[in-house]
């Protein structure tokens, strides 16, 4: 069984996508960092869920999943 392409993305790619897609609408109070850690990525998920639409909430979930897969 293969994974969908978006499930294979790492948290840093998803983090960057969040700022591209939802920076002005959901992440207006945050600034992207150039080399995000899993903690940086998790820090924006609440804003995506609260300030964003359904797509933003789905992206927040994917970021959380990617952070759980990331090596510590």
C-alpha atoms as a PDB file:
ATOM      1  CA  UNK A   1       0.000   0.000   0.000  1.00  0.00           C
ATOM      2  CA  UNK A   2       1.505   3.348  -1.030  1.00  0.00           C
ATOM      3  CA  UNK A   3       1.016   6.669   0.701  1.00  0.00           C
ATOM      4  CA  UNK A   4      -0.482   9.712  -0.995  1.00  0.00           C
ATOM      5  CA  UNK A   5       2.142  12.297  -2.041  1.00  0.00           C
ATOM      6  CA  UNK A   6       1.005  14.831   0.547  1.00  0.00           C
ATOM      7  CA  UNK A   7       1.471  12.245   3.308  1.00  0.00           C
ATOM      8  CA  UNK A   8       5.121  11.872   2.317  1.00  0.00           C
ATOM      9  CA  UNK A   9       5.884  15.579   2.691  1.00  0.00           C
ATOM     10  CA  UNK A  10       7.956  16.579   5.643  1.00  0.00           C
ATOM     11  CA  UNK A  11       6.858  19.104   8.208  1.00  0.00           C
ATOM     12  CA  UNK A  12       9.114  21.867   6.846  1.00  0.00           C
ATOM     13  CA  UNK A  13       7.553  21.686   3.368  1.00  0.00           C
ATOM     14  CA  UNK A  14       4.080  21.750   4.907  1.00  0.00           C
ATOM     15  CA  UNK A  15       5.107  24.661   7.150  1.00  0.00           C
ATOM     16  CA  UNK A  16       6.244  26.664   4.134  1.00  0.00           C
ATOM     17  CA  UNK A  17       3.065  25.795   2.243  1.00  0.00           C
ATOM     18  CA  UNK A  18       0.996  27.042   5.185  1.00  0.00           C
ATOM     19  CA  UNK A  19       2.598  30.473   4.933  1.00  0.00           C
ATOM     20  CA  UNK A  20       2.200  30.593   1.152  1.00  0.00           C
ATOM     21  CA  UNK A  21      -1.447  29.500   1.193  1.00  0.00           C
ATOM     22  CA  UNK A  22      -2.699  30.958   4.485  1.00  0.00           C
ATOM     23  CA  UNK A  23      -0.166  33.552   5.596  1.00  0.00           C
ATOM     24  CA  UNK A  24      -2.431  36.576   5.178  1.00  0.00           C
ATOM     25  CA  UNK A  25      -5.655  34.946   6.314  1.00  0.00           C
ATOM     26  CA  UNK A  26      -4.725  32.577   9.144  1.00  0.00           C
ATOM     27  CA  UNK A  27      -1.091  33.234  10.029  1.00  0.00           C
ATOM     28  CA  UNK A  28      -1.140  37.028  10.000  1.00  0.00           C
ATOM     29  CA  UNK A  29       0.260  37.158  13.539  1.00  0.00           C
ATOM     30  CA  UNK A  30       3.153  34.769  12.821  1.00  0.00           C
ATOM     31  CA  UNK A  31       6.403  35.124  10.944  1.00  0.00           C
ATOM     32  CA  UNK A  32       7.981  32.201   9.096  1.00  0.00           C
ATOM     33  CA  UNK A  33      11.389  31.042  10.231  1.00  0.00           C
ATOM     34  CA  UNK A  34      13.923  30.024   7.564  1.00  0.00           C
ATOM     35  CA  UNK A  35      14.734  26.587   9.022  1.00  0.00           C
ATOM     36  CA  UNK A  36      11.675  25.407  10.991  1.00  0.00           C
ATOM     37  CA  UNK A  37      11.842  22.761  13.699  1.00  0.00           C
ATOM     38  CA  UNK A  38       8.924  20.452  14.486  1.00  0.00           C
ATOM     39  CA  UNK A  39       8.100  22.811  17.373  1.00  0.00           C
ATOM     40  CA  UNK A  40       7.951  25.783  14.979  1.00  0.00           C
ATOM     41  CA  UNK A  41       5.625  23.851  12.703  1.00  0.00           C
ATOM     42  CA  UNK A  42       3.373  22.790  15.572  1.00  0.00           C
ATOM     43  CA  UNK A  43       3.217  26.385  16.813  1.00  0.00           C
ATOM     44  CA  UNK A  44       1.236  27.493  13.753  1.00  0.00           C
ATOM     45  CA  UNK A  45      -1.311  24.675  13.753  1.00  0.00           C
ATOM     46  CA  UNK A  46      -3.580  26.342  16.295  1.00  0.00           C
ATOM     47  CA  UNK A  47      -3.796  29.503  14.187  1.00  0.00           C
ATOM     48  CA  UNK A  48      -4.521  27.425  11.099  1.00  0.00           C
ATOM     49  CA  UNK A  49      -7.373  25.682  12.918  1.00  0.00           C
ATOM     50  CA  UNK A  50      -8.870  28.797  14.529  1.00  0.00           C
ATOM     51  CA  UNK A  51      -8.328  31.430  11.831  1.00  0.00           C
ATOM     52  CA  UNK A  52      -8.400  29.263   8.714  1.00  0.00           C
ATOM     53  CA  UNK A  53     -10.959  27.493   6.607  1.00  0.00           C
ATOM     54  CA  UNK A  54     -11.415  23.744   6.121  1.00  0.00           C
ATOM     55  CA  UNK A  55      -8.307  23.518   3.917  1.00  0.00           C
ATOM     56  CA  UNK A  56      -6.238  25.256   6.605  1.00  0.00           C
ATOM     57  CA  UNK A  57      -7.523  22.856   9.258  1.00  0.00           C
ATOM     58  CA  UNK A  58      -6.670  19.893   7.060  1.00  0.00           C
ATOM     59  CA  UNK A  59      -3.175  21.280   6.540  1.00  0.00           C
ATOM     60  CA  UNK A  60      -2.781  21.688  10.314  1.00  0.00           C
ATOM     61  CA  UNK A  61      -3.601  18.019  10.720  1.00  0.00           C
ATOM     62  CA  UNK A  62      -1.036  17.037   8.081  1.00  0.00           C
ATOM     63  CA  UNK A  63       1.608  19.194   9.794  1.00  0.00           C
ATOM     64  CA  UNK A  64       0.908  17.457  13.105  1.00  0.00           C
ATOM     65  CA  UNK A  65       1.179  14.033  11.480  1.00  0.00           C
ATOM     66  CA  UNK A  66       4.458  14.972   9.776  1.00  0.00           C
ATOM     67  CA  UNK A  67       5.870  16.268  13.065  1.00  0.00           C
ATOM     68  CA  UNK A  68       5.039  12.956  14.747  1.00  0.00           C
ATOM     69  CA  UNK A  69       6.965  11.146  11.977  1.00  0.00           C
ATOM     70  CA  UNK A  70       9.989  13.468  12.224  1.00  0.00           C
ATOM     71  CA  UNK A  71      13.089  12.094  13.920  1.00  0.00           C
ATOM     72  CA  UNK A  72      13.824  13.651  17.290  1.00  0.00           C
END
